[in-house]
Amino acid sequence: QRKAIKKYEQKNAAEKQYRNKKYATKNFITKLATDEDILLVKDWLKQ
């Protein structure tokens, strides 16, 4: 199972990186962001 997981992660590295960044972004916004951070994120989303 560990070997299969490692093979999958190597084959799908870009997808794994995408999921990790998506999770980190959500986690930051929902748990750590200040009002100023949220305004910046809104601006980036609009752009």
All heavy atoms as atom14 arrays in JSON, in Angstrom:
{
  "sequence": "QRKAIKKYEQKNAAEKQYRNKKYATKNFITKLATDEDILLVKDWLKQ",
  "atom14_mask": [
    [1, 1, 1, 1, 1, 1, 1, 1, 1, 0, 0, 0, 0, 0],
    [1, 1, 1, 1, 1, 1, 1, 1, 1, 1, 1, 0, 0, 0],
    [1, 1, 1, 1, 1, 1, 1, 1, 1, 0, 0, 0, 0, 0],
    [1, 1, 1, 1, 1, 0, 0, 0, 0, 0, 0, 0, 0, 0],
    [1, 1, 1, 1, 1, 1, 1, 1, 0, 0, 0, 0, 0, 0],
    [1, 1, 1, 1, 1, 1, 1, 1, 1, 0, 0, 0, 0, 0],
    [1, 1, 1, 1, 1, 1, 1, 1, 1, 0, 0, 0, 0, 0],
    [1, 1, 1, 1, 1, 1, 1, 1, 1, 1, 1, 1, 0, 0],
    [1, 1, 1, 1, 1, 1, 1, 1, 1, 0, 0, 0, 0, 0],
    [1, 1, 1, 1, 1, 1, 1, 1, 1, 0, 0, 0, 0, 0],
    [1, 1, 1, 1, 1, 1, 1, 1, 1, 0, 0, 0, 0, 0],
    [1, 1, 1, 1, 1, 1, 1, 1, 0, 0, 0, 0, 0, 0],
    [1, 1, 1, 1, 1, 0, 0, 0, 0, 0, 0, 0, 0, 0],
    [1, 1, 1, 1, 1, 0, 0, 0, 0, 0, 0, 0, 0, 0],
    [1, 1, 1, 1, 1, 1, 1, 1, 1, 0, 0, 0, 0, 0],
    [1, 1, 1, 1, 1, 1, 1, 1, 1, 0, 0, 0, 0, 0],
    [1, 1, 1, 1, 1, 1, 1, 1, 1, 0, 0, 0, 0, 0],
    [1, 1, 1, 1, 1, 1, 1, 1, 1, 1, 1, 1, 0, 0],
    [1, 1, 1, 1, 1, 1, 1, 1, 1, 1, 1, 0, 0, 0],
    [1, 1, 1, 1, 1, 1, 1, 1, 0, 0, 0, 0, 0, 0],
    [1, 1, 1, 1, 1, 1, 1, 1, 1, 0, 0, 0, 0, 0],
    [1, 1, 1, 1, 1, 1, 1, 1, 1, 0, 0, 0, 0, 0],
    [1, 1, 1, 1, 1, 1, 1, 1, 1, 1, 1, 1, 0, 0],
    [1, 1, 1, 1, 1, 0, 0, 0, 0, 0, 0, 0, 0, 0],
    [1, 1, 1, 1, 1, 1, 1, 0, 0, 0, 0, 0, 0, 0],
    [1, 1, 1, 1, 1, 1, 1, 1, 1, 0, 0, 0, 0, 0],
    [1, 1, 1, 1, 1, 1, 1, 1, 0, 0, 0, 0, 0, 0],
    [1, 1, 1, 1, 1, 1, 1, 1, 1, 1, 1, 0, 0, 0],
    [1, 1, 1, 1, 1, 1, 1, 1, 0, 0, 0, 0, 0, 0],
    [1, 1, 1, 1, 1, 1, 1, 0, 0, 0, 0, 0, 0, 0],
    [1, 1, 1, 1, 1, 1, 1, 1, 1, 0, 0, 0, 0, 0],
    [1, 1, 1, 1, 1, 1, 1, 1, 0, 0, 0, 0, 0, 0],
    [1, 1, 1, 1, 1, 0, 0, 0, 0, 0, 0, 0, 0, 0],
    [1, 1, 1, 1, 1, 1, 1, 0, 0, 0, 0, 0, 0, 0],
    [1, 1, 1, 1, 1, 1, 1, 1, 0, 0, 0, 0, 0, 0],
    [1, 1, 1, 1, 1, 1, 1, 1, 1, 0, 0, 0, 0, 0],
    [1, 1, 1, 1, 1, 1, 1, 1, 0, 0, 0, 0, 0, 0],
    [1, 1, 1, 1, 1, 1, 1, 1, 0, 0, 0, 0, 0, 0],
    [1, 1, 1, 1, 1, 1, 1, 1, 0, 0, 0, 0, 0, 0],
    [1, 1, 1, 1, 1, 1, 1, 1, 0, 0, 0, 0, 0, 0],
    [1, 1, 1, 1, 1, 1, 1, 0, 0, 0, 0, 0, 0, 0],
    [1, 1, 1, 1, 1, 1, 1, 1, 1, 0, 0, 0, 0, 0],
    [1, 1, 1, 1, 1, 1, 1, 1, 0, 0, 0, 0, 0, 0],
    [1, 1, 1, 1, 1, 1, 1, 1, 1, 1, 1, 1, 1, 1],
    [1, 1, 1, 1, 1, 1, 1, 1, 0, 0, 0, 0, 0, 0],
    [1, 1, 1, 1, 1, 1, 1, 1, 1, 0, 0, 0, 0, 0],
    [1, 1, 1, 1, 1, 1, 1, 1, 1, 0, 0, 0, 0, 0]
  ],
  "atom14_positions": [
    [[0.83, -1.2, 0.0], [0.0, 0.0, 0.0], [0.87, 1.26, 0.0], [0.58, 2.21, -0.73], [-0.94, 0.01, 1.21], [-1.92, 1.15, 1.21], [-2.95, 1.07, 0.1], [-3.41, 0.0, -0.23], [-3.29, 2.19, -0.48], [0.0, 0.0, 0.0], [0.0, 0.0, 0.0], [0.0, 0.0, 0.0], [0.0, 0.0, 0.0], [0.0, 0.0, 0.0]],
    [[1.91, 1.26, 0.81], [2.82, 2.42, 0.83], [3.47, 2.62, -0.53], [3.62, 3.76, -1.0], [3.88, 2.24, 1.92], [3.33, 2.41, 3.33], [4.42, 2.5, 4.38], [5.31, 1.35, 4.4], [5.1, 0.22, 5.06], [4.0, 0.08, 5.78], [5.98, -0.76, 5.02], [0.0, 0.0, 0.0], [0.0, 0.0, 0.0], [0.0, 0.0, 0.0]],
    [[3.83, 1.52, -1.19], [4.45, 1.59, -2.51], [3.46, 2.15, -3.53], [3.81, 2.99, -4.36], [4.9, 0.19, -2.91], [5.89, 0.12, -4.0], [6.34, -1.33, -4.17], [7.44, -1.45, -5.18], [7.88, -2.83, -5.37], [0.0, 0.0, 0.0], [0.0, 0.0, 0.0], [0.0, 0.0, 0.0], [0.0, 0.0, 0.0], [0.0, 0.0, 0.0]],
    [[2.2, 1.71, -3.46], [1.17, 2.19, -4.37], [0.9, 3.68, -4.15], [0.73, 4.43, -5.12], [-0.12, 1.39, -4.17], [0.0, 0.0, 0.0], [0.0, 0.0, 0.0], [0.0, 0.0, 0.0], [0.0, 0.0, 0.0], [0.0, 0.0, 0.0], [0.0, 0.0, 0.0], [0.0, 0.0, 0.0], [0.0, 0.0, 0.0], [0.0, 0.0, 0.0]],
    [[0.87, 4.11, -2.91], [0.66, 5.53, -2.6], [1.79, 6.37, -3.17], [1.56, 7.41, -3.8], [0.51, 5.74, -1.08], [-0.79, 5.13, -0.58], [0.58, 7.22, -0.73], [-0.9, 5.03, 0.93], [0.0, 0.0, 0.0], [0.0, 0.0, 0.0], [0.0, 0.0, 0.0], [0.0, 0.0, 0.0], [0.0, 0.0, 0.0], [0.0, 0.0, 0.0]],
    [[3.01, 5.92, -2.97], [4.18, 6.66, -3.47], [4.14, 6.75, -5.0], [4.38, 7.82, -5.57], [5.46, 5.97, -3.02], [6.71, 6.71, -3.42], [7.95, 6.02, -2.87], [9.2, 6.78, -3.3], [10.4, 6.16, -2.77], [0.0, 0.0, 0.0], [0.0, 0.0, 0.0], [0.0, 0.0, 0.0], [0.0, 0.0, 0.0], [0.0, 0.0, 0.0]],
    [[3.79, 5.66, -5.67], [3.69, 5.65, -7.12], [2.62, 6.62, -7.6], [2.83, 7.39, -8.54], [3.4, 4.22, -7.61], [3.32, 4.09, -9.1], [3.04, 2.66, -9.5], [2.9, 2.53, -11.0], [2.55, 1.16, -11.41], [0.0, 0.0, 0.0], [0.0, 0.0, 0.0], [0.0, 0.0, 0.0], [0.0, 0.0, 0.0], [0.0, 0.0, 0.0]],
    [[1.45, 6.59, -6.94], [0.36, 7.49, -7.3], [0.77, 8.95, -7.12], [0.51, 9.79, -7.98], [-0.88, 7.2, -6.45], [-2.0, 8.19, -6.69], [-2.87, 8.03, -7.75], [-2.16, 9.31, -5.87], [-3.88, 8.94, -7.99], [-3.16, 10.22, -6.1], [-4.02, 10.03, -7.17], [-5.01, 10.96, -7.4], [0.0, 0.0, 0.0], [0.0, 0.0, 0.0]],
    [[1.42, 9.25, -5.99], [1.82, 10.63, -5.71], [2.85, 11.12, -6.72], [2.83, 12.28, -7.12], [2.34, 10.74, -4.29], [1.23, 10.65, -3.26], [1.72, 10.72, -1.83], [2.94, 10.58, -1.59], [0.87, 10.89, -0.94], [0.0, 0.0, 0.0], [0.0, 0.0, 0.0], [0.0, 0.0, 0.0], [0.0, 0.0, 0.0], [0.0, 0.0, 0.0]],
    [[3.75, 10.24, -7.15], [4.74, 10.63, -8.16], [4.06, 10.88, -9.5], [4.4, 11.83, -10.21], [5.82, 9.56, -8.29], [6.75, 9.51, -7.12], [7.73, 8.34, -7.19], [7.53, 7.38, -7.92], [8.78, 8.43, -6.4], [0.0, 0.0, 0.0], [0.0, 0.0, 0.0], [0.0, 0.0, 0.0], [0.0, 0.0, 0.0], [0.0, 0.0, 0.0]],
    [[3.11, 10.04, -9.85], [2.42, 10.16, -11.13], [1.51, 11.38, -11.16], [1.31, 11.99, -12.2], [1.59, 8.89, -11.38], [0.91, 8.85, -12.71], [0.15, 7.55, -12.89], [-0.59, 7.53, -14.21], [-1.4, 6.32, -14.36], [0.0, 0.0, 0.0], [0.0, 0.0, 0.0], [0.0, 0.0, 0.0], [0.0, 0.0, 0.0], [0.0, 0.0, 0.0]],
    [[0.97, 11.77, -10.01], [0.01, 12.87, -9.93], [0.53, 14.02, -9.08], [-0.21, 14.62, -8.31], [-1.31, 12.33, -9.36], [-1.91, 11.28, -10.24], [-2.4, 11.57, -11.31], [-1.86, 10.03, -9.8], [0.0, 0.0, 0.0], [0.0, 0.0, 0.0], [0.0, 0.0, 0.0], [0.0, 0.0, 0.0], [0.0, 0.0, 0.0], [0.0, 0.0, 0.0]],
    [[1.79, 14.35, -9.25], [2.43, 15.38, -8.42], [1.75, 16.75, -8.59], [1.53, 17.46, -7.61], [3.9, 15.48, -8.75], [0.0, 0.0, 0.0], [0.0, 0.0, 0.0], [0.0, 0.0, 0.0], [0.0, 0.0, 0.0], [0.0, 0.0, 0.0], [0.0, 0.0, 0.0], [0.0, 0.0, 0.0], [0.0, 0.0, 0.0], [0.0, 0.0, 0.0]],
    [[1.41, 17.11, -9.81], [0.8, 18.42, -10.05], [-0.58, 18.5, -9.38], [-0.92, 19.52, -8.79], [0.67, 18.69, -11.55], [0.0, 0.0, 0.0], [0.0, 0.0, 0.0], [0.0, 0.0, 0.0], [0.0, 0.0, 0.0], [0.0, 0.0, 0.0], [0.0, 0.0, 0.0], [0.0, 0.0, 0.0], [0.0, 0.0, 0.0], [0.0, 0.0, 0.0]],
    [[-1.35, 17.42, -9.47], [-2.67, 17.4, -8.84], [-2.54, 17.47, -7.32], [-3.29, 18.18, -6.65], [-3.41, 16.12, -9.23], [-4.81, 16.05, -8.69], [-5.52, 14.77, -9.1], [-5.23, 14.25, -10.18], [-6.36, 14.32, -8.31], [0.0, 0.0, 0.0], [0.0, 0.0, 0.0], [0.0, 0.0, 0.0], [0.0, 0.0, 0.0], [0.0, 0.0, 0.0]],
    [[-1.56, 16.78, -6.78], [-1.33, 16.8, -5.33], [-0.94, 18.21, -4.89], [-1.44, 18.71, -3.88], [-0.23, 15.81, -4.96], [0.05, 15.76, -3.48], [1.16, 14.78, -3.16], [1.49, 14.84, -1.69], [2.67, 14.07, -1.36], [0.0, 0.0, 0.0], [0.0, 0.0, 0.0], [0.0, 0.0, 0.0], [0.0, 0.0, 0.0], [0.0, 0.0, 0.0]],
    [[-0.07, 18.85, -5.65], [0.35, 20.21, -5.32], [-0.85, 21.16, -5.37], [-1.01, 22.01, -4.5], [1.44, 20.67, -6.29], [1.99, 22.04, -5.97], [3.04, 22.48, -6.96], [2.93, 22.22, -8.16], [4.06, 23.15, -6.49], [0.0, 0.0, 0.0], [0.0, 0.0, 0.0], [0.0, 0.0, 0.0], [0.0, 0.0, 0.0], [0.0, 0.0, 0.0]],
    [[-1.71, 21.0, -6.37], [-2.91, 21.83, -6.49], [-3.8, 21.67, -5.26], [-4.25, 22.65, -4.67], [-3.68, 21.44, -7.76], [-5.03, 22.09, -7.89], [-5.15, 23.39, -8.39], [-6.19, 21.43, -7.5], [-6.39, 24.0, -8.5], [-7.42, 22.04, -7.6], [-7.52, 23.31, -8.11], [-8.75, 23.91, -8.21], [0.0, 0.0, 0.0], [0.0, 0.0, 0.0]],
    [[-4.06, 20.42, -4.87], [-4.91, 20.16, -3.69], [-4.3, 20.75, -2.42], [-5.0, 21.34, -1.59], [-5.14, 18.66, -3.51], [-6.11, 18.06, -4.5], [-6.5, 16.64, -4.1], [-5.39, 15.81, -3.7], [-4.71, 14.98, -4.49], [-5.04, 14.88, -5.75], [-3.72, 14.26, -4.01], [0.0, 0.0, 0.0], [0.0, 0.0, 0.0], [0.0, 0.0, 0.0]],
    [[-2.99, 20.6, -2.27], [-2.33, 21.13, -1.08], [-2.43, 22.65, -1.01], [-2.7, 23.22, 0.05], [-0.86, 20.7, -1.04], [-0.69, 19.24, -0.69], [-1.59, 18.6, -0.18], [0.48, 18.71, -0.97], [0.0, 0.0, 0.0], [0.0, 0.0, 0.0], [0.0, 0.0, 0.0], [0.0, 0.0, 0.0], [0.0, 0.0, 0.0], [0.0, 0.0, 0.0]],
    [[-2.21, 23.31, -2.15], [-2.3, 24.77, -2.18], [-3.73, 25.25, -1.93], [-3.95, 26.24, -1.24], [-1.77, 25.31, -3.5], [-0.27, 25.21, -3.61], [0.24, 25.81, -4.89], [1.76, 25.75, -4.93], [2.31, 26.44, -6.09], [0.0, 0.0, 0.0], [0.0, 0.0, 0.0], [0.0, 0.0, 0.0], [0.0, 0.0, 0.0], [0.0, 0.0, 0.0]],
    [[-4.69, 24.52, -2.5], [-6.1, 24.87, -2.3], [-6.46, 24.76, -0.82], [-7.1, 25.65, -0.25], [-6.97, 23.95, -3.15], [-8.44, 24.27, -3.1], [-9.2, 23.35, -4.05], [-10.67, 23.59, -3.98], [-11.41, 22.7, -4.9], [0.0, 0.0, 0.0], [0.0, 0.0, 0.0], [0.0, 0.0, 0.0], [0.0, 0.0, 0.0], [0.0, 0.0, 0.0]],
    [[-6.05, 23.67, -0.19], [-6.33, 23.48, 1.23], [-5.65, 24.56, 2.07], [-6.27, 25.12, 2.98], [-5.87, 22.09, 1.68], [-5.96, 21.92, 3.16], [-7.19, 21.7, 3.78], [-4.85, 22.03, 3.98], [-7.29, 21.56, 5.16], [-4.93, 21.91, 5.35], [-6.16, 21.67, 5.93], [-6.25, 21.56, 7.29], [0.0, 0.0, 0.0], [0.0, 0.0, 0.0]],
    [[-4.39, 24.85, 1.76], [-3.66, 25.86, 2.54], [-4.32, 27.23, 2.41], [-4.42, 27.97, 3.4], [-2.21, 25.92, 2.07], [0.0, 0.0, 0.0], [0.0, 0.0, 0.0], [0.0, 0.0, 0.0], [0.0, 0.0, 0.0], [0.0, 0.0, 0.0], [0.0, 0.0, 0.0], [0.0, 0.0, 0.0], [0.0, 0.0, 0.0], [0.0, 0.0, 0.0]],
    [[-4.79, 27.55, 1.21], [-5.47, 28.83, 0.99], [-6.75, 28.92, 1.81], [-7.0, 29.91, 2.49], [-5.78, 29.01, -0.51], [-4.56, 28.95, -1.24], [-6.47, 30.33, -0.77], [0.0, 0.0, 0.0], [0.0, 0.0, 0.0], [0.0, 0.0, 0.0], [0.0, 0.0, 0.0], [0.0, 0.0, 0.0], [0.0, 0.0, 0.0], [0.0, 0.0, 0.0]],
    [[-7.55, 27.86, 1.73], [-8.8, 27.85, 2.49], [-8.53, 27.95, 3.98], [-9.19, 28.71, 4.7], [-9.59, 26.58, 2.19], [-10.89, 26.51, 2.95], [-11.63, 25.23, 2.68], [-12.89, 25.17, 3.55], [-13.57, 23.89, 3.44], [0.0, 0.0, 0.0], [0.0, 0.0, 0.0], [0.0, 0.0, 0.0], [0.0, 0.0, 0.0], [0.0, 0.0, 0.0]],
    [[-7.55, 27.2, 4.44], [-7.2, 27.2, 5.86], [-6.76, 28.6, 6.31], [-7.18, 29.09, 7.36], [-6.1, 26.18, 6.13], [-5.9, 25.93, 7.6], [-6.85, 25.78, 8.35], [-4.65, 25.88, 8.0], [0.0, 0.0, 0.0], [0.0, 0.0, 0.0], [0.0, 0.0, 0.0], [0.0, 0.0, 0.0], [0.0, 0.0, 0.0], [0.0, 0.0, 0.0]],
    [[-5.94, 29.25, 5.51], [-5.48, 30.6, 5.84], [-6.66, 31.56, 5.92], [-6.8, 32.31, 6.89], [-4.46, 31.1, 4.82], [-4.09, 32.54, 5.02], [-3.24, 32.9, 6.04], [-4.62, 33.53, 4.21], [-2.91, 34.24, 6.25], [-4.3, 34.86, 4.42], [-3.44, 35.22, 5.44], [0.0, 0.0, 0.0], [0.0, 0.0, 0.0], [0.0, 0.0, 0.0]],
    [[-7.5, 31.54, 4.89], [-8.61, 32.49, 4.84], [-9.6, 32.27, 5.99], [-10.04, 33.22, 6.62], [-9.33, 32.4, 3.47], [-8.41, 32.94, 2.38], [-10.64, 33.17, 3.49], [-8.91, 32.71, 0.97], [0.0, 0.0, 0.0], [0.0, 0.0, 0.0], [0.0, 0.0, 0.0], [0.0, 0.0, 0.0], [0.0, 0.0, 0.0], [0.0, 0.0, 0.0]],
    [[-9.91, 31.01, 6.27], [-10.94, 30.74, 7.28], [-10.44, 30.82, 8.71], [-11.23, 31.05, 9.62], [-11.59, 29.36, 7.05], [-10.58, 28.35, 7.11], [-12.31, 29.31, 5.72], [0.0, 0.0, 0.0], [0.0, 0.0, 0.0], [0.0, 0.0, 0.0], [0.0, 0.0, 0.0], [0.0, 0.0, 0.0], [0.0, 0.0, 0.0], [0.0, 0.0, 0.0]],
    [[-9.12, 30.65, 8.92], [-8.64, 30.58, 10.3], [-7.67, 31.69, 10.7], [-7.6, 32.02, 11.88], [-7.97, 29.23, 10.54], [-8.95, 28.08, 10.41], [-8.31, 26.76, 10.69], [-9.34, 25.65, 10.55], [-8.78, 24.34, 10.8], [0.0, 0.0, 0.0], [0.0, 0.0, 0.0], [0.0, 0.0, 0.0], [0.0, 0.0, 0.0], [0.0, 0.0, 0.0]],
    [[-6.95, 32.26, 9.75], [-5.88, 33.18, 10.14], [-6.0, 34.59, 9.58], [-5.42, 35.52, 10.14], [-4.52, 32.6, 9.69], [-4.14, 31.24, 10.26], [-2.89, 30.72, 9.58], [-3.94, 31.33, 11.75], [0.0, 0.0, 0.0], [0.0, 0.0, 0.0], [0.0, 0.0, 0.0], [0.0, 0.0, 0.0], [0.0, 0.0, 0.0], [0.0, 0.0, 0.0]],
    [[-6.7, 34.75, 8.48], [-6.71, 36.03, 7.77], [-7.29, 37.17, 8.61], [-8.3, 37.0, 9.29], [-7.49, 35.9, 6.47], [0.0, 0.0, 0.0], [0.0, 0.0, 0.0], [0.0, 0.0, 0.0], [0.0, 0.0, 0.0], [0.0, 0.0, 0.0], [0.0, 0.0, 0.0], [0.0, 0.0, 0.0], [0.0, 0.0, 0.0], [0.0, 0.0, 0.0]],
    [[-6.64, 38.31, 8.5], [-7.14, 39.53, 9.13], [-8.1, 40.2, 8.15], [-8.23, 39.78, 6.99], [-5.99, 40.49, 9.44], [-5.39, 40.9, 8.2], [-4.95, 39.84, 10.33], [0.0, 0.0, 0.0], [0.0, 0.0, 0.0], [0.0, 0.0, 0.0], [0.0, 0.0, 0.0], [0.0, 0.0, 0.0], [0.0, 0.0, 0.0], [0.0, 0.0, 0.0]],
    [[-8.75, 41.26, 8.59], [-9.63, 42.01, 7.69], [-8.87, 42.52, 6.48], [-9.38, 42.48, 5.35], [-10.28, 43.18, 8.43], [-11.31, 42.74, 9.45], [-11.78, 41.58, 9.36], [-11.64, 43.54, 10.35], [0.0, 0.0, 0.0], [0.0, 0.0, 0.0], [0.0, 0.0, 0.0], [0.0, 0.0, 0.0], [0.0, 0.0, 0.0], [0.0, 0.0, 0.0]],
    [[-7.65, 43.0, 6.71], [-6.82, 43.5, 5.61], [-6.5, 42.37, 4.62], [-6.55, 42.57, 3.4], [-5.52, 44.09, 6.16], [-4.65, 44.72, 5.09], [-3.38, 45.33, 5.67], [-3.36, 45.65, 6.87], [-2.43, 45.5, 4.9], [0.0, 0.0, 0.0], [0.0, 0.0, 0.0], [0.0, 0.0, 0.0], [0.0, 0.0, 0.0], [0.0, 0.0, 0.0]],
    [[-6.18, 41.2, 5.14], [-5.89, 40.04, 4.28], [-7.11, 39.69, 3.42], [-6.98, 39.41, 2.23], [-5.51, 38.81, 5.11], [-4.2, 38.96, 5.84], [-3.32, 39.7, 5.37], [-4.06, 38.33, 6.92], [0.0, 0.0, 0.0], [0.0, 0.0, 0.0], [0.0, 0.0, 0.0], [0.0, 0.0, 0.0], [0.0, 0.0, 0.0], [0.0, 0.0, 0.0]],
    [[-8.27, 39.72, 4.02], [-9.49, 39.38, 3.29], [-9.76, 40.39, 2.19], [-10.16, 40.01, 1.07], [-10.69, 39.26, 4.26], [-10.48, 38.03, 5.14], [-12.01, 39.18, 3.51], [-11.46, 37.88, 6.28], [0.0, 0.0, 0.0], [0.0, 0.0, 0.0], [0.0, 0.0, 0.0], [0.0, 0.0, 0.0], [0.0, 0.0, 0.0], [0.0, 0.0, 0.0]],
    [[-9.51, 41.65, 2.44], [-9.68, 42.67, 1.4], [-8.71, 42.42, 0.25], [-9.08, 42.55, -0.93], [-9.47, 44.07, 1.98], [-10.56, 44.56, 2.91], [-10.17, 45.9, 3.53], [-11.89, 44.66, 2.19], [0.0, 0.0, 0.0], [0.0, 0.0, 0.0], [0.0, 0.0, 0.0], [0.0, 0.0, 0.0], [0.0, 0.0, 0.0], [0.0, 0.0, 0.0]],
    [[-7.48, 42.05, 0.57], [-6.5, 41.73, -0.48], [-6.95, 40.53, -1.3], [-6.87, 40.53, -2.53], [-5.13, 41.43, 0.14], [-4.29, 42.62, 0.56], [-3.09, 42.16, 1.37], [-3.82, 43.38, -0.67], [0.0, 0.0, 0.0], [0.0, 0.0, 0.0], [0.0, 0.0, 0.0], [0.0, 0.0, 0.0], [0.0, 0.0, 0.0], [0.0, 0.0, 0.0]],
    [[-7.42, 39.51, -0.64], [-7.88, 38.31, -1.33], [-9.06, 38.64, -2.24], [-9.12, 38.17, -3.39], [-8.23, 37.18, -0.33], [-8.93, 36.03, -1.03], [-6.99, 36.7, 0.39], [0.0, 0.0, 0.0], [0.0, 0.0, 0.0], [0.0, 0.0, 0.0], [0.0, 0.0, 0.0], [0.0, 0.0, 0.0], [0.0, 0.0, 0.0], [0.0, 0.0, 0.0]],
    [[-9.97, 39.44, -1.77], [-11.11, 39.85, -2.59], [-10.63, 40.57, -3.85], [-11.16, 40.35, -4.95], [-12.07, 40.74, -1.8], [-12.92, 40.0, -0.82], [-13.85, 40.96, -0.1], [-14.74, 40.26, 0.89], [-15.65, 41.19, 1.58], [0.0, 0.0, 0.0], [0.0, 0.0, 0.0], [0.0, 0.0, 0.0], [0.0, 0.0, 0.0], [0.0, 0.0, 0.0]],
    [[-9.64, 41.43, -3.69], [-9.09, 42.15, -4.84], [-8.44, 41.17, -5.82], [-8.64, 41.28, -7.03], [-8.07, 43.19, -4.35], [-7.56, 44.06, -5.47], [-8.38, 44.53, -6.29], [-6.33, 44.28, -5.54], [0.0, 0.0, 0.0], [0.0, 0.0, 0.0], [0.0, 0.0, 0.0], [0.0, 0.0, 0.0], [0.0, 0.0, 0.0], [0.0, 0.0, 0.0]],
    [[-7.68, 40.22, -5.31], [-7.04, 39.22, -6.18], [-8.08, 38.38, -6.91], [-7.92, 38.05, -8.08], [-6.12, 38.3, -5.38], [-4.96, 39.0, -4.73], [-4.34, 40.15, -5.14], [-4.29, 38.6, -3.53], [-3.34, 40.49, -4.27], [-3.28, 39.55, -3.28], [-4.45, 37.55, -2.65], [-2.42, 39.45, -2.19], [-3.6, 37.45, -1.57], [-2.6, 38.4, -1.34]],
    [[-9.16, 38.03, -6.2], [-10.22, 37.25, -6.83], [-10.88, 38.04, -7.96], [-11.16, 37.49, -9.03], [-11.28, 36.84, -5.8], [-10.86, 35.75, -4.83], [-11.9, 35.6, -3.72], [-10.68, 34.44, -5.55], [0.0, 0.0, 0.0], [0.0, 0.0, 0.0], [0.0, 0.0, 0.0], [0.0, 0.0, 0.0], [0.0, 0.0, 0.0], [0.0, 0.0, 0.0]],
    [[-11.12, 39.3, -7.73], [-11.72, 40.16, -8.76], [-10.8, 40.23, -9.98], [-11.25, 40.11, -11.12], [-11.99, 41.56, -8.18], [-12.54, 42.54, -9.17], [-13.93, 42.15, -9.62], [-14.49, 43.22, -10.54], [-15.22, 42.67, -11.67], [0.0, 0.0, 0.0], [0.0, 0.0, 0.0], [0.0, 0.0, 0.0], [0.0, 0.0, 0.0], [0.0, 0.0, 0.0]],
    [[-9.49, 40.4, -9.73], [-8.53, 40.45, -10.83], [-8.53, 39.13, -11.62], [-8.51, 39.13, -12.85], [-7.13, 40.74, -10.31], [-6.92, 42.13, -9.8], [-5.55, 42.31, -9.16], [-4.66, 41.51, -9.34], [-5.41, 43.38, -8.38], [0.0, 0.0, 0.0], [0.0, 0.0, 0.0], [0.0, 0.0, 0.0], [0.0, 0.0, 0.0], [0.0, 0.0, 0.0]]
  ]
}
